[in-house]
Amino acid sequence: MGMITLSITIRDVAKKAGVSSATVSRVLNQSDTVTARTKEHVLQVIQEMGYFPSQVARSLSKSETRTIGVVVPDINNPFYGEVIKGISQVADENDLNILLCDTDENLQREKKSLFMLKEHRMRGIIIAPISDTDDSSSEYLTLLENLGIPIVLLGRDVKHSTFDGVFIDNVRGAFDGVNAFIEEGHADIAIIAFSQSTNTGRDRLIGYKKAMALHNLPVLEQSIYFSDSNNIYSSYNITREILRRPDRPTAIFACNNIITLGCIKALAEAGLSIPRDMALIGFDEIQILNILNMQISMIARPTYDMGKEAMRILLKRLQSVERGFKTAERVIMMPKLLSYGSERFCP
């Protein structure tokens, strides 16, 4: 095979093969109007010259691409890594590519990513939106609707939207975790929640309060903390604050995996044992803890399956004969409590 030369054009290939540029284009697009002999000759010349046509350019000439945009708020979060694996699996099976955007929980970066994806003519977008209570939420919703691209929401909802989506019953997940504490004998339970500008943050706090109310336990304001969901040192510092309390709680419910890691770091540095000195349950499974044989109970989400389901729904939307149908497909998956003993009460 010849050397790859980026400056080679269809016209160069046509000249060397002794055919028209249109014939080369037909060969590249697998047209049946080209004879087998001519096709074989043109492909041989392409191989010799090292010509690799731009798939993007060819797709744009047809006003479509084989690419799906995926927008997530934090690529470093293992949850999104697993979700992307699920998306990628189904995309590969359907000969689709993925263009990934990391917004770093920044609304302006998210908007910029969406405009970029539209400019690159994505077939569709799967997005975990940053917030649903922004001051300009109606403007944001209008932005999404005006993209004119099929959208599937992932994990987080957008108020008043009619988009397809894959979600988790966050209320149930948090309820099950806190209820497990209470059944073990805990009555003073702290929660480290995160931003209430997302439905996930709000719902997990609601689940905590529902479990406490079911058992007639008071919800104490001093036991409700708010952390940066993507910064391990935020929950680390909060946990240290909890440990300094003379009336410190006996259990902590950590509302996501990054928060859980911050809790573990603070407890380890303080020389405290889980659950002997502090019980702990975290929302989202953390595989590395299993590898390290740290038996931390968790509320597990079917992350890989969430990604696959989101991609399946997007494909269904793209392949629908009736492109203008309005009924949204919104799937709610159930989390599961994985109990490894870290919720136990040790008086």
Protein backbone atom coordinates (compact mmCIF):
# COMPACT_ATOMS: atom_id res chain seq x y z
CA MET A 1 0.00 0.00 0.00
CA GLY A 2 1.28 3.49 -0.80
CA MET A 3 2.01 6.20 1.73
CA ILE A 4 -0.96 8.10 3.12
CA THR A 5 -1.03 11.55 1.57
CA LEU A 6 -3.70 13.83 2.94
CA SER A 7 -3.52 16.16 -0.09
CA ILE A 8 -4.72 13.48 -2.52
CA THR A 9 -8.15 14.22 -3.97
CA ILE A 10 -10.76 12.31 -5.94
CA ARG A 11 -9.56 14.22 -9.01
CA ASP A 12 -6.01 12.85 -8.49
CA VAL A 13 -7.35 9.30 -8.22
CA ALA A 14 -9.49 9.77 -11.33
CA LYS A 15 -6.55 11.10 -13.36
CA LYS A 16 -4.30 8.17 -12.43
CA ALA A 17 -7.06 5.62 -13.04
CA GLY A 18 -8.04 7.19 -16.35
CA VAL A 19 -11.67 7.63 -15.36
CA SER A 20 -13.88 10.55 -14.42
CA SER A 21 -14.17 11.97 -10.89
CA ALA A 22 -17.83 10.94 -10.98
CA THR A 23 -16.81 7.33 -11.56
CA VAL A 24 -14.45 7.40 -8.55
CA SER A 25 -17.25 8.87 -6.45
CA ARG A 26 -19.61 6.09 -7.57
CA VAL A 27 -17.06 3.46 -6.59
CA LEU A 28 -16.63 5.02 -3.14
CA ASN A 29 -20.38 5.08 -2.68
CA GLN A 30 -20.71 1.46 -3.87
CA SER A 31 -22.94 2.34 -6.80
CA ASP A 32 -24.22 -0.53 -8.95
CA THR A 33 -23.76 1.55 -12.12
CA VAL A 34 -19.99 0.87 -12.23
CA THR A 35 -18.79 -2.34 -13.87
CA ALA A 36 -16.93 -4.86 -11.71
CA ARG A 37 -13.78 -4.44 -13.82
CA THR A 38 -13.75 -0.63 -13.49
CA LYS A 39 -14.51 -0.86 -9.77
CA GLU A 40 -11.60 -3.26 -9.22
CA HIS A 41 -9.24 -1.01 -11.19
CA VAL A 42 -10.27 2.16 -9.28
CA LEU A 43 -9.96 0.44 -5.89
CA GLN A 44 -6.47 -0.76 -6.86
CA VAL A 45 -5.44 2.81 -7.71
CA ILE A 46 -6.93 4.07 -4.44
CA GLN A 47 -4.89 1.49 -2.54
CA GLU A 48 -1.68 2.33 -4.40
CA MET A 49 -2.10 6.07 -3.83
CA GLY A 50 -3.06 5.71 -0.17
CA TYR A 51 -6.23 7.74 -0.62
CA PHE A 52 -8.62 7.65 2.32
CA PRO A 53 -11.79 9.67 1.64
CA SER A 54 -13.23 11.68 4.50
CA GLN A 55 -16.28 9.86 5.81
CA VAL A 56 -17.44 13.08 7.45
CA ALA A 57 -17.14 15.05 4.22
CA ARG A 58 -19.01 12.39 2.27
CA SER A 59 -21.71 12.24 4.91
CA LEU A 60 -22.10 16.00 5.00
CA SER A 61 -22.56 16.04 1.24
CA LYS A 62 -25.57 13.81 1.89
CA SER A 63 -26.77 16.05 4.77
CA GLU A 64 -26.29 13.28 7.32
CA THR A 65 -23.59 11.55 9.32
CA ARG A 66 -23.25 8.20 11.01
CA THR A 67 -22.38 9.90 14.28
CA ILE A 68 -24.23 10.26 17.57
CA GLY A 69 -23.42 13.03 20.04
CA VAL A 70 -23.07 12.05 23.71
CA VAL A 71 -22.98 14.86 26.27
CA VAL A 72 -22.07 14.11 29.91
CA PRO A 73 -21.24 16.41 32.84
CA ASP A 74 -18.14 14.58 34.11
CA ILE A 75 -16.22 12.03 32.08
CA ASN A 76 -14.04 11.22 35.10
CA ASN A 77 -17.04 9.87 36.98
CA PRO A 78 -17.02 6.05 36.64
CA PHE A 79 -20.82 6.10 36.32
CA TYR A 80 -20.62 7.87 32.97
CA GLY A 81 -17.76 5.64 31.85
CA GLU A 82 -19.98 2.58 32.25
CA VAL A 83 -22.94 4.32 30.61
CA ILE A 84 -20.79 5.23 27.59
CA LYS A 85 -19.74 1.58 27.27
CA GLY A 86 -23.39 0.62 26.95
CA ILE A 87 -24.04 3.36 24.39
CA SER A 88 -20.96 2.36 22.41
CA GLN A 89 -21.94 -1.31 22.35
CA VAL A 90 -25.28 -0.63 20.65
CA ALA A 91 -23.78 2.08 18.41
CA ASP A 92 -21.11 -0.33 17.14
CA GLU A 93 -23.73 -2.98 16.42
CA ASN A 94 -25.53 -0.43 14.22
CA ASP A 95 -22.45 0.99 12.47
CA LEU A 96 -22.68 4.33 14.26
CA ASN A 97 -19.89 6.49 15.65
CA ILE A 98 -19.89 8.49 18.89
CA LEU A 99 -18.69 12.05 19.45
CA LEU A 100 -18.29 12.59 23.20
CA CYS A 101 -18.55 15.98 24.94
CA ASP A 102 -17.61 16.58 28.59
CA THR A 103 -19.30 19.72 29.98
CA ASP A 104 -17.68 19.68 33.44
CA GLU A 105 -21.06 20.62 35.00
CA ASN A 106 -20.85 24.00 33.22
CA LEU A 107 -24.02 25.23 31.53
CA GLN A 108 -22.19 27.43 29.02
CA ARG A 109 -19.94 24.53 27.99
CA GLU A 110 -23.02 22.37 27.60
CA LYS A 111 -24.69 24.90 25.31
CA LYS A 112 -21.48 25.25 23.32
CA SER A 113 -21.31 21.46 22.93
CA LEU A 114 -24.90 21.31 21.71
CA PHE A 115 -24.31 24.00 19.08
CA MET A 116 -21.16 22.21 17.93
CA LEU A 117 -23.02 18.90 17.59
CA LYS A 118 -25.73 20.58 15.55
CA GLU A 119 -23.14 22.14 13.25
CA HIS A 120 -21.59 18.71 12.71
CA ARG A 121 -25.03 17.32 11.81
CA MET A 122 -25.29 14.59 14.40
CA ARG A 123 -27.97 11.97 13.75
CA GLY A 124 -29.06 12.29 17.37
CA ILE A 125 -27.91 13.27 20.86
CA ILE A 126 -27.85 11.46 24.20
CA ILE A 127 -27.41 13.95 27.01
CA ALA A 128 -27.21 14.02 30.80
CA PRO A 129 -28.24 17.68 31.24
CA ILE A 130 -26.60 19.83 33.88
CA SER A 131 -29.62 21.49 35.46
CA ASP A 132 -33.38 21.72 35.15
CA THR A 133 -33.92 24.76 37.35
CA ASP A 134 -31.63 27.31 35.75
CA ASP A 135 -33.02 30.85 35.68
CA SER A 136 -33.24 30.53 31.91
CA SER A 137 -34.65 27.00 31.95
CA SER A 138 -37.41 27.87 29.47
CA GLU A 139 -34.78 29.33 27.15
CA TYR A 140 -32.69 26.19 27.58
CA LEU A 141 -35.64 23.94 26.76
CA THR A 142 -36.31 26.01 23.65
CA LEU A 143 -32.65 25.61 22.68
CA LEU A 144 -32.92 21.81 22.88
CA GLU A 145 -36.18 21.74 20.95
CA ASN A 146 -34.83 24.04 18.23
CA LEU A 147 -31.82 21.83 17.57
CA GLY A 148 -34.08 19.77 15.34
CA ILE A 149 -32.19 16.61 16.37
CA PRO A 150 -33.64 13.58 18.17
CA ILE A 151 -32.64 13.80 21.85
CA VAL A 152 -32.61 11.16 24.57
CA LEU A 153 -32.15 12.33 28.16
CA LEU A 154 -29.95 10.17 30.36
CA GLY A 155 -30.30 10.02 34.14
CA ARG A 156 -31.40 13.63 34.51
CA ASP A 157 -34.66 15.12 33.33
CA VAL A 158 -35.50 18.55 31.92
CA LYS A 159 -38.61 20.22 33.31
CA HIS A 160 -41.63 20.39 30.99
CA SER A 161 -39.80 18.55 28.21
CA THR A 162 -41.28 15.79 26.06
CA PHE A 163 -37.97 14.16 25.16
CA ASP A 164 -37.30 10.45 25.32
CA GLY A 165 -35.28 9.44 28.34
CA VAL A 166 -33.78 6.74 30.56
CA PHE A 167 -33.94 7.42 34.28
CA ILE A 168 -33.50 5.80 37.68
CA ASP A 169 -35.99 5.77 40.55
CA ASN A 170 -33.73 7.89 42.75
CA VAL A 171 -36.35 8.30 45.47
CA ARG A 172 -36.61 4.53 45.84
CA GLY A 173 -32.83 4.08 45.84
CA ALA A 174 -32.24 6.61 48.61
CA PHE A 175 -35.23 5.31 50.57
CA ASP A 176 -33.89 1.74 50.47
CA GLY A 177 -30.46 2.85 51.64
CA VAL A 178 -31.68 4.93 54.58
CA ASN A 179 -34.27 2.30 55.47
CA ALA A 180 -31.47 -0.28 55.69
CA PHE A 181 -29.72 1.95 58.24
CA ILE A 182 -32.88 2.28 60.32
CA GLU A 183 -33.57 -1.45 60.29
CA GLU A 184 -30.06 -1.96 61.66
CA GLY A 185 -30.87 0.34 64.59
CA HIS A 186 -29.62 3.75 63.44
CA ALA A 187 -31.74 6.77 64.34
CA ASP A 188 -29.30 9.65 63.77
CA ILE A 189 -28.40 9.48 60.09
CA ALA A 190 -26.57 12.19 58.17
CA ILE A 191 -26.98 12.64 54.43
CA ILE A 192 -24.41 14.23 52.14
CA ALA A 193 -26.55 15.35 49.22
CA PHE A 194 -25.66 17.41 46.15
CA SER A 195 -27.13 20.16 44.00
CA GLN A 196 -30.88 20.55 44.23
CA SER A 197 -30.90 22.05 40.74
CA THR A 198 -31.14 18.51 39.33
CA ASN A 199 -33.97 16.06 39.77
CA THR A 200 -31.46 13.41 40.86
CA GLY A 201 -30.21 15.57 43.72
CA ARG A 202 -33.73 16.48 44.83
CA ASP A 203 -35.10 12.96 44.57
CA ARG A 204 -32.36 11.39 46.67
CA LEU A 205 -32.98 13.89 49.45
CA ILE A 206 -36.70 13.16 49.18
CA GLY A 207 -35.98 9.43 49.54
CA TYR A 208 -33.95 10.10 52.69
CA LYS A 209 -36.76 12.14 54.23
CA LYS A 210 -39.40 9.55 53.32
CA ALA A 211 -37.50 6.75 55.05
CA MET A 212 -37.03 8.86 58.17
CA ALA A 213 -40.70 9.84 58.20
CA LEU A 214 -41.86 6.24 57.76
CA HIS A 215 -40.14 5.33 61.03
CA ASN A 216 -41.22 8.56 62.80
CA LEU A 217 -37.63 9.77 63.05
CA PRO A 218 -36.94 13.52 63.03
CA VAL A 219 -35.23 15.03 60.00
CA LEU A 220 -32.61 17.29 61.55
CA GLU A 221 -31.34 20.20 59.47
CA GLN A 222 -27.88 19.83 61.01
CA SER A 223 -27.70 16.31 59.56
CA ILE A 224 -28.32 17.43 55.97
CA TYR A 225 -25.16 18.45 54.13
CA PHE A 226 -24.56 19.51 50.53
CA SER A 227 -21.43 18.62 48.59
CA ASP A 228 -19.98 19.30 45.17
CA SER A 229 -20.95 16.06 43.45
CA ASN A 230 -17.76 15.97 41.33
CA ASN A 231 -15.17 17.00 43.92
CA ILE A 232 -13.96 14.33 46.32
CA TYR A 233 -12.51 16.95 48.68
CA SER A 234 -15.89 18.59 49.13
CA SER A 235 -17.40 15.50 50.80
CA TYR A 236 -14.04 14.79 52.46
CA ASN A 237 -14.21 18.13 54.28
CA ILE A 238 -17.89 17.65 55.13
CA THR A 239 -17.14 14.24 56.65
CA ARG A 240 -14.37 15.76 58.76
CA GLU A 241 -16.91 18.35 59.92
CA ILE A 242 -19.36 15.59 60.85
CA LEU A 243 -16.66 13.77 62.82
CA ARG A 244 -15.92 16.91 64.86
CA ARG A 245 -19.49 17.11 66.10
CA PRO A 246 -19.85 16.11 69.78
CA ASP A 247 -23.25 14.64 68.91
CA ARG A 248 -22.15 13.15 65.62
CA PRO A 249 -24.52 10.78 63.81
CA THR A 250 -23.90 7.05 63.67
CA ALA A 251 -24.39 6.70 59.91
CA ILE A 252 -23.79 8.62 56.69
CA PHE A 253 -25.74 8.22 53.45
CA ALA A 254 -23.54 9.45 50.58
CA CYS A 255 -25.58 10.49 47.54
CA ASN A 256 -23.13 9.56 44.79
CA ASN A 257 -19.88 7.68 44.20
CA ILE A 258 -17.56 10.70 44.36
CA ILE A 259 -19.14 11.74 47.67
CA THR A 260 -18.67 8.19 48.97
CA LEU A 261 -14.95 8.25 48.15
CA GLY A 262 -14.55 11.54 50.01
CA CYS A 263 -16.25 10.02 53.06
CA ILE A 264 -14.00 6.96 52.98
CA LYS A 265 -10.87 9.12 52.70
CA ALA A 266 -11.83 11.24 55.73
CA LEU A 267 -12.78 8.21 57.85
CA ALA A 268 -9.55 6.41 56.95
CA GLU A 269 -7.38 9.43 57.79
CA ALA A 270 -9.16 9.70 61.14
CA GLY A 271 -8.31 6.08 61.86
CA LEU A 272 -11.99 5.14 62.04
CA SER A 273 -13.45 1.81 61.00
CA ILE A 274 -16.56 1.22 58.87
CA PRO A 275 -19.08 0.33 60.30
CA ARG A 276 -17.71 0.09 63.83
CA ASP A 277 -17.07 3.81 64.17
CA MET A 278 -19.31 5.09 61.38
CA ALA A 279 -21.80 3.25 59.19
CA LEU A 280 -21.81 4.18 55.50
CA ILE A 281 -23.90 3.52 52.40
CA GLY A 282 -23.13 5.13 49.05
CA PHE A 283 -25.28 5.71 45.97
CA ASP A 284 -23.65 4.08 42.91
CA GLU A 285 -21.39 1.07 42.79
CA ILE A 286 -17.62 1.63 42.96
CA GLN A 287 -15.82 -1.35 41.45
CA ILE A 288 -12.39 -0.48 42.87
CA LEU A 289 -13.72 -0.92 46.41
CA ASN A 290 -14.62 -4.52 45.61
CA ILE A 291 -11.12 -5.10 44.22
CA LEU A 292 -9.63 -3.68 47.43
CA ASN A 293 -11.99 -5.90 49.45
CA MET A 294 -13.62 -2.90 51.11
CA GLN A 295 -17.11 -4.08 52.00
CA ILE A 296 -19.09 -0.87 51.47
CA SER A 297 -22.84 -1.24 50.96
CA MET A 298 -24.09 0.60 47.88
CA ILE A 299 -27.16 1.52 45.90
CA ALA A 300 -26.27 0.15 42.47
CA ARG A 301 -27.65 1.53 39.22
CA PRO A 302 -27.67 -0.63 36.06
CA THR A 303 -25.29 1.80 34.41
CA TYR A 304 -24.27 -0.29 31.40
CA ASP A 305 -27.90 -1.18 30.69
CA MET A 306 -28.87 2.49 30.98
CA GLY A 307 -26.47 3.33 28.17
CA LYS A 308 -27.72 0.47 26.00
CA GLU A 309 -31.35 1.44 26.60
CA ALA A 310 -30.70 5.10 25.78
CA MET A 311 -29.07 4.10 22.49
CA ARG A 312 -31.88 1.66 21.72
CA ILE A 313 -34.48 4.39 22.21
CA LEU A 314 -32.51 6.81 20.03
CA LEU A 315 -32.28 4.21 17.26
CA LYS A 316 -36.00 3.61 17.48
CA ARG A 317 -36.59 7.34 17.12
CA LEU A 318 -34.21 7.58 14.15
CA GLN A 319 -35.62 4.54 12.39
CA SER A 320 -39.26 5.48 12.87
CA VAL A 321 -41.16 5.90 9.64
CA GLU A 322 -43.36 8.58 11.23
CA ARG A 323 -40.67 11.10 12.14
CA GLY A 324 -43.07 13.56 13.67
CA PHE A 325 -44.65 11.43 16.37
CA LYS A 326 -44.77 13.12 19.76
CA THR A 327 -45.15 10.30 22.27
CA ALA A 328 -41.96 10.10 24.31
CA GLU A 329 -40.52 6.81 25.51
CA ARG A 330 -39.40 7.32 29.10
CA VAL A 331 -37.90 4.31 30.84
CA ILE A 332 -37.42 4.27 34.61
CA MET A 333 -35.00 1.61 35.87
CA MET A 334 -34.79 0.37 39.44
CA PRO A 335 -31.66 0.64 41.58
CA LYS A 336 -30.66 -2.19 43.89
CA LEU A 337 -29.22 -2.19 47.41
CA LEU A 338 -26.02 -4.23 47.55
CA SER A 339 -25.52 -4.94 51.24
CA TYR A 340 -21.99 -5.77 52.36
CA GLY A 341 -22.42 -4.91 56.04
CA SER A 342 -21.25 -1.30 56.17
CA GLU A 343 -24.73 -0.23 57.30
CA ARG A 344 -24.58 -2.17 60.56
CA PHE A 345 -25.14 -0.49 63.91
CA CYS A 346 -22.25 -1.04 66.30
CA PRO A 347 -23.10 0.63 69.67
